PDB file of N, CA and C in Angstrom:
ATOM      1  N   MET A   1     221.687 154.881  86.646  1.00  0.00           N
ATOM      2  CA  MET A   1     221.212 156.056  85.970  1.00  0.00           C
ATOM      3  C   MET A   1     220.282 155.635  84.843  1.00  0.00           C
ATOM      4  N   HIS A   2     219.211 156.386  84.699  1.00  0.00           N
ATOM      5  CA  HIS A   2     218.263 156.176  83.608  1.00  0.00           C
ATOM      6  C   HIS A   2     218.080 157.502  82.880  1.00  0.00           C
ATOM      7  N   ILE A   3     218.154 157.452  81.546  1.00  0.00           N
ATOM      8  CA  ILE A   3     217.960 158.653  80.728  1.00  0.00           C
ATOM      9  C   ILE A   3     216.749 158.436  79.846  1.00  0.00           C
ATOM     10  N   GLU A   4     215.769 159.285  80.014  1.00  0.00           N
ATOM     11  CA  GLU A   4     214.575 159.278  79.157  1.00  0.00           C
ATOM     12  C   GLU A   4     214.726 160.438  78.186  1.00  0.00           C
ATOM     13  N   HIS A   5     214.758 160.133  76.897  1.00  0.00           N
ATOM     14  CA  HIS A   5     214.957 161.163  75.876  1.00  0.00           C
ATOM     15  C   HIS A   5     213.660 161.375  75.108  1.00  0.00           C
ATOM     16  N   ARG A   6     213.262 162.645  75.012  1.00  0.00           N
ATOM     17  CA  ARG A   6     212.093 162.997  74.191  1.00  0.00           C
ATOM     18  C   ARG A   6     212.505 164.100  73.239  1.00  0.00           C
ATOM     19  N   ARG A   7     212.295 163.857  71.966  1.00  0.00           N
ATOM     20  CA  ARG A   7     212.583 164.869  70.958  1.00  0.00           C
ATOM     21  C   ARG A   7     211.334 165.700  70.755  1.00  0.00           C
ATOM     22  N   LEU A   8     211.423 166.955  71.103  1.00  0.00           N
ATOM     23  CA  LEU A   8     210.315 167.872  70.919  1.00  0.00           C
ATOM     24  C   LEU A   8     210.558 168.669  69.644  1.00  0.00           C
ATOM     25  N   ASN A   9     209.679 169.574  69.333  1.00  0.00           N
ATOM     26  CA  ASN A   9     209.770 170.307  68.081  1.00  0.00           C
ATOM     27  C   ASN A   9     211.128 170.978  67.887  1.00  0.00           C
ATOM     28  N   ARG A  10     211.558 171.773  68.846  1.00  0.00           N
ATOM     29  CA  ARG A  10     212.793 172.537  68.685  1.00  0.00           C
ATOM     30  C   ARG A  10     213.869 172.174  69.693  1.00  0.00           C
ATOM     31  N   VAL A  11     213.558 171.332  70.659  1.00  0.00           N
ATOM     32  CA  VAL A  11     214.521 170.982  71.698  1.00  0.00           C
ATOM     33  C   VAL A  11     214.475 169.481  71.971  1.00  0.00           C
ATOM     34  N   ASP A  12     215.513 169.022  72.651  1.00  0.00           N
ATOM     35  CA  ASP A  12     215.549 167.641  73.134  1.00  0.00           C
ATOM     36  C   ASP A  12     215.492 167.681  74.647  1.00  0.00           C
ATOM     37  N   LEU A  13     214.548 166.940  75.211  1.00  0.00           N
ATOM     38  CA  LEU A  13     214.378 166.860  76.651  1.00  0.00           C
ATOM     39  C   LEU A  13     215.016 165.571  77.146  1.00  0.00           C
ATOM     40  N   LEU A  14     215.932 165.711  78.102  1.00  0.00           N
ATOM     41  CA  LEU A  14     216.552 164.561  78.739  1.00  0.00           C
ATOM     42  C   LEU A  14     216.139 164.549  80.204  1.00  0.00           C
ATOM     43  N   GLU A  15     215.406 163.520  80.587  1.00  0.00           N
ATOM     44  CA  GLU A  15     215.030 163.334  81.993  1.00  0.00           C
ATOM     45  C   GLU A  15     216.013 162.332  82.575  1.00  0.00           C
ATOM     46  N   ILE A  16     216.792 162.785  83.526  1.00  0.00           N
ATOM     47  CA  ILE A  16     217.844 161.947  84.097  1.00  0.00           C
ATOM     48  C   ILE A  16     217.468 161.597  85.521  1.00  0.00           C
ATOM     49  N   SER A  17     217.497 160.302  85.821  1.00  0.00           N
ATOM     50  CA  SER A  17     217.173 159.851  87.174  1.00  0.00           C
ATOM     51  C   SER A  17     218.269 158.921  87.677  1.00  0.00           C
ATOM     52  N   GLY A  18     218.309 158.775  88.985  1.00  0.00           N
ATOM     53  CA  GLY A  18     219.294 157.889  89.590  1.00  0.00           C
ATOM     54  C   GLY A  18     220.587 158.612  89.915  1.00  0.00           C
ATOM     55  N   ARG A  19     221.707 157.917  89.656  1.00  0.00           N
ATOM     56  CA  ARG A  19     223.021 158.431  90.024  1.00  0.00           C
ATOM     57  C   ARG A  19     223.903 158.570  88.791  1.00  0.00           C
ATOM     58  N   ILE A  20     224.578 159.710  88.678  1.00  0.00           N
ATOM     59  CA  ILE A  20     225.588 159.893  87.639  1.00  0.00           C
ATOM     60  C   ILE A  20     226.938 159.849  88.343  1.00  0.00           C
ATOM     61  N   ASP A  21     227.693 158.799  88.075  1.00  0.00           N
ATOM     62  CA  ASP A  21     229.002 158.639  88.707  1.00  0.00           C
ATOM     63  C   ASP A  21     230.021 158.238  87.639  1.00  0.00           C
ATOM     64  N   ALA A  22     231.191 157.851  88.060  1.00  0.00           N
ATOM     65  CA  ALA A  22     232.250 157.500  87.112  1.00  0.00           C
ATOM     66  C   ALA A  22     231.859 156.329  86.220  1.00  0.00           C
ATOM     67  N   ALA A  23     231.045 155.418  86.732  1.00  0.00           N
ATOM     68  CA  ALA A  23     230.638 154.256  85.947  1.00  0.00           C
ATOM     69  C   ALA A  23     229.544 154.588  84.931  1.00  0.00           C
ATOM     70  N   THR A  24     228.669 155.537  85.244  1.00  0.00           N
ATOM     71  CA  THR A  24     227.537 155.827  84.364  1.00  0.00           C
ATOM     72  C   THR A  24     227.732 157.067  83.497  1.00  0.00           C
ATOM     73  N   SER A  25     228.695 157.930  83.838  1.00  0.00           N
ATOM     74  CA  SER A  25     228.872 159.171  83.072  1.00  0.00           C
ATOM     75  C   SER A  25     229.243 158.945  81.605  1.00  0.00           C
ATOM     76  N   PRO A  26     229.987 157.881  81.237  1.00  0.00           N
ATOM     77  CA  PRO A  26     230.249 157.670  79.808  1.00  0.00           C
ATOM     78  C   PRO A  26     228.968 157.477  78.987  1.00  0.00           C
ATOM     79  N   ARG A  27     227.957 156.873  79.566  1.00  0.00           N
ATOM     80  CA  ARG A  27     226.687 156.689  78.860  1.00  0.00           C
ATOM     81  C   ARG A  27     226.000 158.034  78.627  1.00  0.00           C
ATOM     82  N   LEU A  28     226.091 158.929  79.612  1.00  0.00           N
ATOM     83  CA  LEU A  28     225.531 160.267  79.460  1.00  0.00           C
ATOM     84  C   LEU A  28     226.287 161.030  78.369  1.00  0.00           C
ATOM     85  N   LYS A  29     227.610 160.888  78.352  1.00  0.00           N
ATOM     86  CA  LYS A  29     228.418 161.537  77.323  1.00  0.00           C
ATOM     87  C   LYS A  29     228.016 161.038  75.935  1.00  0.00           C
ATOM     88  N   GLN A  30     227.794 159.737  75.795  1.00  0.00           N
ATOM     89  CA  GLN A  30     227.362 159.170  74.507  1.00  0.00           C
ATOM     90  C   GLN A  30     226.024 159.751  74.071  1.00  0.00           C
ATOM     91  N   GLN A  31     225.124 159.962  75.016  1.00  0.00           N
ATOM     92  CA  GLN A  31     223.814 160.535  74.698  1.00  0.00           C
ATOM     93  C   GLN A  31     223.972 161.944  74.134  1.00  0.00           C
ATOM     94  N   PHE A  32     224.804 162.760  74.781  1.00  0.00           N
ATOM     95  CA  PHE A  32     225.047 164.114  74.291  1.00  0.00           C
ATOM     96  C   PHE A  32     225.735 164.086  72.932  1.00  0.00           C
ATOM     97  N   GLU A  33     226.735 163.228  72.770  1.00  0.00           N
ATOM     98  CA  GLU A  33     227.452 163.139  71.493  1.00  0.00           C
ATOM     99  C   GLU A  33     226.497 162.774  70.358  1.00  0.00           C
ATOM    100  N   ALA A  34     225.600 161.845  70.606  1.00  0.00           N
ATOM    101  CA  ALA A  34     224.633 161.444  69.584  1.00  0.00           C
ATOM    102  C   ALA A  34     223.741 162.618  69.182  1.00  0.00           C
ATOM    103  N   LEU A  35     223.304 163.401  70.154  1.00  0.00           N
ATOM    104  CA  LEU A  35     222.472 164.565  69.846  1.00  0.00           C
ATOM    105  C   LEU A  35     223.248 165.590  69.022  1.00  0.00           C
ATOM    106  N   PHE A  36     224.478 165.876  69.418  1.00  0.00           N
ATOM    107  CA  PHE A  36     225.276 166.873  68.709  1.00  0.00           C
ATOM    108  C   PHE A  36     225.607 166.414  67.293  1.00  0.00           C
ATOM    109  N   GLU A  37     225.855 165.134  67.114  1.00  0.00           N
ATOM    110  CA  GLU A  37     226.128 164.602  65.773  1.00  0.00           C
ATOM    111  C   GLU A  37     224.918 164.755  64.848  1.00  0.00           C
ATOM    112  N   GLN A  38     223.727 164.779  65.410  1.00  0.00           N
ATOM    113  CA  GLN A  38     222.497 164.959  64.633  1.00  0.00           C
ATOM    114  C   GLN A  38     222.151 166.432  64.451  1.00  0.00           C
ATOM    115  N   GLY A  39     223.009 167.311  64.937  1.00  0.00           N
ATOM    116  CA  GLY A  39     222.745 168.743  64.822  1.00  0.00           C
ATOM    117  C   GLY A  39     221.737 169.258  65.827  1.00  0.00           C
ATOM    118  N   ARG A  40     221.534 168.521  66.897  1.00  0.00           N
ATOM    119  CA  ARG A  40     220.583 168.903  67.945  1.00  0.00           C
ATOM    120  C   ARG A  40     221.367 169.569  69.084  1.00  0.00           C
ATOM    121  N   TYR A  41     221.274 170.908  69.169  1.00  0.00           N
ATOM    122  CA  TYR A  41     222.058 171.671  70.135  1.00  0.00           C
ATOM    123  C   TYR A  41     221.204 172.412  71.148  1.00  0.00           C
ATOM    124  N   ARG A  42     219.915 172.177  71.149  1.00  0.00           N
ATOM    125  CA  ARG A  42     219.022 172.789  72.143  1.00  0.00           C
ATOM    126  C   ARG A  42     218.602 171.699  73.118  1.00  0.00           C
ATOM    127  N   ILE A  43     219.057 171.829  74.348  1.00  0.00           N
ATOM    128  CA  ILE A  43     218.903 170.772  75.341  1.00  0.00           C
ATOM    129  C   ILE A  43     218.154 171.297  76.561  1.00  0.00           C
ATOM    130  N   VAL A  44     217.188 170.514  77.026  1.00  0.00           N
ATOM    131  CA  VAL A  44     216.520 170.771  78.301  1.00  0.00           C
ATOM    132  C   VAL A  44     216.775 169.548  79.178  1.00  0.00           C
ATOM    133  N   LEU A  45     217.323 169.781  80.353  1.00  0.00           N
ATOM    134  CA  LEU A  45     217.589 168.694  81.296  1.00  0.00           C
ATOM    135  C   LEU A  45     216.603 168.763  82.451  1.00  0.00           C
ATOM    136  N   ASP A  46     215.916 167.669  82.687  1.00  0.00           N
ATOM    137  CA  ASP A  46     215.038 167.548  83.847  1.00  0.00           C
ATOM    138  C   ASP A  46     215.791 166.705  84.873  1.00  0.00           C
ATOM    139  N   LEU A  47     216.204 167.336  85.947  1.00  0.00           N
ATOM    140  CA  LEU A  47     217.003 166.672  86.976  1.00  0.00           C
ATOM    141  C   LEU A  47     216.210 166.396  88.252  1.00  0.00           C
ATOM    142  N   ALA A  48     214.894 166.411  88.156  1.00  0.00           N
ATOM    143  CA  ALA A  48     214.048 166.240  89.340  1.00  0.00           C
ATOM    144  C   ALA A  48     214.306 164.914  90.050  1.00  0.00           C
ATOM    145  N   GLN A  49     214.616 163.866  89.299  1.00  0.00           N
ATOM    146  CA  GLN A  49     214.801 162.546  89.897  1.00  0.00           C
ATOM    147  C   GLN A  49     216.271 162.161  90.051  1.00  0.00           C
ATOM    148  N   LEU A  50     217.170 163.121  89.827  1.00  0.00           N
ATOM    149  CA  LEU A  50     218.596 162.852  89.985  1.00  0.00           C
ATOM    150  C   LEU A  50     218.932 162.774  91.469  1.00  0.00           C
ATOM    151  N   GLU A  51     219.526 161.668  91.877  1.00  0.00           N
ATOM    152  CA  GLU A  51     219.854 161.456  93.288  1.00  0.00           C
ATOM    153  C   GLU A  51     221.259 161.910  93.642  1.00  0.00           C
ATOM    154  N   TYR A  52     222.190 161.787  92.677  1.00  0.00           N
ATOM    155  CA  TYR A  52     223.595 162.059  92.973  1.00  0.00           C
ATOM    156  C   TYR A  52     224.325 162.332  91.667  1.00  0.00           C
ATOM    157  N   ILE A  53     225.297 163.238  91.719  1.00  0.00           N
ATOM    158  CA  ILE A  53     226.182 163.455  90.578  1.00  0.00           C
ATOM    159  C   ILE A  53     227.599 163.633  91.097  1.00  0.00           C
ATOM    160  N   SER A  54     228.530 162.869  90.541  1.00  0.00           N
ATOM    161  CA  SER A  54     229.935 162.941  90.936  1.00  0.00           C
ATOM    162  C   SER A  54     230.660 163.945  90.058  1.00  0.00           C
ATOM    163  N   SER A  55     231.925 164.179  90.353  1.00  0.00           N
ATOM    164  CA  SER A  55     232.690 165.140  89.554  1.00  0.00           C
ATOM    165  C   SER A  55     232.842 164.696  88.096  1.00  0.00           C
ATOM    166  N   PRO A  56     233.029 163.398  87.779  1.00  0.00           N
ATOM    167  CA  PRO A  56     233.045 163.024  86.355  1.00  0.00           C
ATOM    168  C   PRO A  56     231.716 163.317  85.656  1.00  0.00           C
ATOM    169  N   GLY A  57     230.614 163.123  86.358  1.00  0.00           N
ATOM    170  CA  GLY A  57     229.308 163.433  85.786  1.00  0.00           C
ATOM    171  C   GLY A  57     229.131 164.918  85.580  1.00  0.00           C
ATOM    172  N   LEU A  58     229.583 165.697  86.524  1.00  0.00           N
ATOM    173  CA  LEU A  58     229.508 167.153  86.403  1.00  0.00           C
ATOM    174  C   LEU A  58     230.362 167.642  85.238  1.00  0.00           C
ATOM    175  N   ARG A  59     231.506 167.018  85.046  1.00  0.00           N
ATOM    176  CA  ARG A  59     232.379 167.377  83.923  1.00  0.00           C
ATOM    177  C   ARG A  59     231.665 167.141  82.589  1.00  0.00           C
ATOM    178  N   ILE A  60     230.921 166.048  82.478  1.00  0.00           N
ATOM    179  CA  ILE A  60     230.159 165.754  81.254  1.00  0.00           C
ATOM    180  C   ILE A  60     229.129 166.853  81.009  1.00  0.00           C
ATOM    181  N   LEU A  61     228.425 167.273  82.053  1.00  0.00           N
ATOM    182  CA  LEU A  61     227.431 168.345  81.900  1.00  0.00           C
ATOM    183  C   LEU A  61     228.092 169.653  81.478  1.00  0.00           C
ATOM    184  N   ILE A  62     229.240 169.966  82.051  1.00  0.00           N
ATOM    185  CA  ILE A  62     229.938 171.206  81.700  1.00  0.00           C
ATOM    186  C   ILE A  62     230.401 171.168  80.249  1.00  0.00           C
ATOM    187  N   GLU A  63     230.957 170.043  79.825  1.00  0.00           N
ATOM    188  CA  GLU A  63     231.404 169.911  78.436  1.00  0.00           C
ATOM    189  C   GLU A  63     230.233 170.032  77.467  1.00  0.00           C
ATOM    190  N   ALA A  64     229.117 169.395  77.808  1.00  0.00           N
ATOM    191  CA  ALA A  64     227.934 169.462  76.938  1.00  0.00           C
ATOM    192  C   ALA A  64     227.384 170.879  76.905  1.00  0.00           C
ATOM    193  N   ARG A  65     227.407 171.564  78.034  1.00  0.00           N
ATOM    194  CA  ARG A  65     226.913 172.951  78.083  1.00  0.00           C
ATOM    195  C   ARG A  65     227.721 173.857  77.160  1.00  0.00           C
ATOM    196  N   LYS A  66     229.008 173.629  77.100  1.00  0.00           N
ATOM    197  CA  LYS A  66     229.874 174.442  76.241  1.00  0.00           C
ATOM    198  C   LYS A  66     229.541 174.253  74.757  1.00  0.00           C
ATOM    199  N   ARG A  67     229.082 173.077  74.390  1.00  0.00           N
ATOM    200  CA  ARG A  67     228.759 172.796  72.989  1.00  0.00           C
ATOM    201  C   ARG A  67     227.331 173.146  72.610  1.00  0.00           C
ATOM    202  N   ALA A  68     226.451 173.184  73.588  1.00  0.00           N
ATOM    203  CA  ALA A  68     225.028 173.427  73.315  1.00  0.00           C
ATOM    204  C   ALA A  68     224.793 174.887  72.947  1.00  0.00           C
ATOM    205  N   ARG A  69     223.825 175.123  72.069  1.00  0.00           N
ATOM    206  CA  ARG A  69     223.435 176.487  71.721  1.00  0.00           C
ATOM    207  C   ARG A  69     222.447 177.046  72.735  1.00  0.00           C
ATOM    208  N   ASP A  70     221.599 176.187  73.232  1.00  0.00           N
ATOM    209  CA  ASP A  70     220.593 176.591  74.210  1.00  0.00           C
ATOM    210  C   ASP A  70     220.543 175.489  75.250  1.00  0.00           C
ATOM    211  N   TRP A  71     220.574 175.859  76.515  1.00  0.00           N
ATOM    212  CA  TRP A  71     220.711 174.889  77.606  1.00  0.00           C
ATOM    213  C   TRP A  71     219.809 175.322  78.743  1.00  0.00           C
ATOM    214  N   LYS A  72     218.882 174.475  79.136  1.00  0.00           N
ATOM    215  CA  LYS A  72     217.976 174.795  80.226  1.00  0.00           C
ATOM    216  C   LYS A  72     217.965 173.640  81.226  1.00  0.00           C
ATOM    217  N   LEU A  73     217.841 173.992  82.490  1.00  0.00           N
ATOM    218  CA  LEU A  73     217.684 173.010  83.558  1.00  0.00           C
ATOM    219  C   LEU A  73     216.313 173.221  84.172  1.00  0.00           C
ATOM    220  N   THR A  74     215.608 172.139  84.429  1.00  0.00           N
ATOM    221  CA  THR A  74     214.280 172.254  85.021  1.00  0.00           C
ATOM    222  C   THR A  74     214.201 171.468  86.317  1.00  0.00           C
ATOM    223  N   ASP A  75     213.255 171.863  87.144  1.00  0.00           N
ATOM    224  CA  ASP A  75     212.902 171.170  88.378  1.00  0.00           C
ATOM    225  C   ASP A  75     214.088 170.977  89.319  1.00  0.00           C
ATOM    226  N   LEU A  76     214.840 172.042  89.509  1.00  0.00           N
ATOM    227  CA  LEU A  76     215.951 171.988  90.449  1.00  0.00           C
ATOM    228  C   LEU A  76     215.465 172.231  91.863  1.00  0.00           C
ATOM    229  N   GLU A  77     216.227 171.787  92.817  1.00  0.00           N
ATOM    230  CA  GLU A  77     215.995 172.045  94.236  1.00  0.00           C
ATOM    231  C   GLU A  77     214.608 171.623  94.697  1.00  0.00           C
ATOM    232  N   GLY A  78     214.247 170.410  94.364  1.00  0.00           N
ATOM    233  CA  GLY A  78     212.994 169.848  94.854  1.00  0.00           C
ATOM    234  C   GLY A  78     211.751 170.541  94.356  1.00  0.00           C
ATOM    235  N   GLY A  79     211.802 171.103  93.177  1.00  0.00           N
ATOM    236  CA  GLY A  79     210.626 171.712  92.588  1.00  0.00           C
ATOM    237  C   GLY A  79     210.396 173.155  92.999  1.00  0.00           C
ATOM    238  N   ARG A  80     211.323 173.746  93.740  1.00  0.00           N
ATOM    239  CA  ARG A  80     211.149 175.146  94.138  1.00  0.00           C
ATOM    240  C   ARG A  80     211.168 176.072  92.932  1.00  0.00           C
ATOM    241  N   TYR A  81     211.923 175.697  91.920  1.00  0.00           N
ATOM    242  CA  TYR A  81     212.012 176.505  90.714  1.00  0.00           C
ATOM    243  C   TYR A  81     211.569 175.664  89.531  1.00  0.00           C
ATOM    244  N   PRO A  82     210.423 175.950  88.938  1.00  0.00           N
ATOM    245  CA  PRO A  82     209.941 175.127  87.832  1.00  0.00           C
ATOM    246  C   PRO A  82     210.798 175.263  86.582  1.00  0.00           C
ATOM    247  N   TYR A  83     211.581 176.327  86.479  1.00  0.00           N
ATOM    248  CA  TYR A  83     212.379 176.570  85.284  1.00  0.00           C
ATOM    249  C   TYR A  83     213.590 177.404  85.681  1.00  0.00           C
ATOM    250  N   ARG A  84     214.729 177.013  85.206  1.00  0.00           N
ATOM    251  CA  ARG A  84     215.918 177.795  85.479  1.00  0.00           C
ATOM    252  C   ARG A  84     216.833 177.707  84.272  1.00  0.00           C
ATOM    253  N   GLN A  85     217.301 178.853  83.816  1.00  0.00           N
ATOM    254  CA  GLN A  85     218.176 178.893  82.659  1.00  0.00           C
ATOM    255  C   GLN A  85     219.582 179.232  83.136  1.00  0.00           C
ATOM    256  N   THR A  86     220.558 178.531  82.614  1.00  0.00           N
ATOM    257  CA  THR A  86     221.933 178.892  82.885  1.00  0.00           C
ATOM    258  C   THR A  86     222.501 179.502  81.631  1.00  0.00           C
ATOM    259  N   SER A  87     223.293 180.497  81.798  1.00  0.00           N
ATOM    260  CA  SER A  87     223.911 181.125  80.635  1.00  0.00           C
ATOM    261  C   SER A  87     225.402 181.208  80.850  1.00  0.00           C
ATOM    262  N   ARG A  88     226.132 181.400  79.796  1.00  0.00           N
ATOM    263  CA  ARG A  88     227.582 181.494  79.882  1.00  0.00           C
ATOM    264  C   ARG A  88     228.011 182.710  80.690  1.00  0.00           C
ATOM    265  N   SER A  89     227.199 183.742  80.704  1.00  0.00           N
ATOM    266  CA  SER A  89     227.578 184.953  81.435  1.00  0.00           C
ATOM    267  C   SER A  89     227.174 184.891  82.910  1.00  0.00           C
ATOM    268  N   HIS A  90     226.325 183.961  83.262  1.00  0.00           N
ATOM    269  CA  HIS A  90     225.881 183.835  84.653  1.00  0.00           C
ATOM    270  C   HIS A  90     226.990 183.184  85.467  1.00  0.00           C
ATOM    271  N   PRO A  91     227.411 183.785  86.589  1.00  0.00           N
ATOM    272  CA  PRO A  91     228.531 183.242  87.359  1.00  0.00           C
ATOM    273  C   PRO A  91     228.278 181.858  87.921  1.00  0.00           C
ATOM    274  N   ARG A  92     227.025 181.478  88.121  1.00  0.00           N
ATOM    275  CA  ARG A  92     226.731 180.146  88.655  1.00  0.00           C
ATOM    276  C   ARG A  92     226.273 179.182  87.571  1.00  0.00           C
ATOM    277  N   GLY A  93     226.262 179.608  86.330  1.00  0.00           N
ATOM    278  CA  GLY A  93     225.815 178.756  85.225  1.00  0.00           C
ATOM    279  C   GLY A  93     226.822 177.667  84.930  1.00  0.00           C
ATOM    280  N   LEU A  94     226.341 176.569  84.381  1.00  0.00           N
ATOM    281  CA  LEU A  94     227.240 175.467  84.000  1.00  0.00           C
ATOM    282  C   LEU A  94     227.935 175.786  82.724  1.00  0.00           C
TER     283      LEU A  94
END
């Protein structure tokens, strides 16, 4: 797994590539924890290059989503949707 972090004006963009599994998910959790400790709660995830995510990796995303104030996912499903927002009220949201 590779995480490219870019701090933008009001949000933090995380481009995640490769595989998120039991071995790599702790590193992703550390990345989110570091952002939250800095008071950065607006997150945009670019998952275009994500090859695989296991249940431990999904759990990290769900936990981070619960703490984030604003959460966006981009480039899902092979680029069919350039932008997709998940919300707490959306039944399929993280």
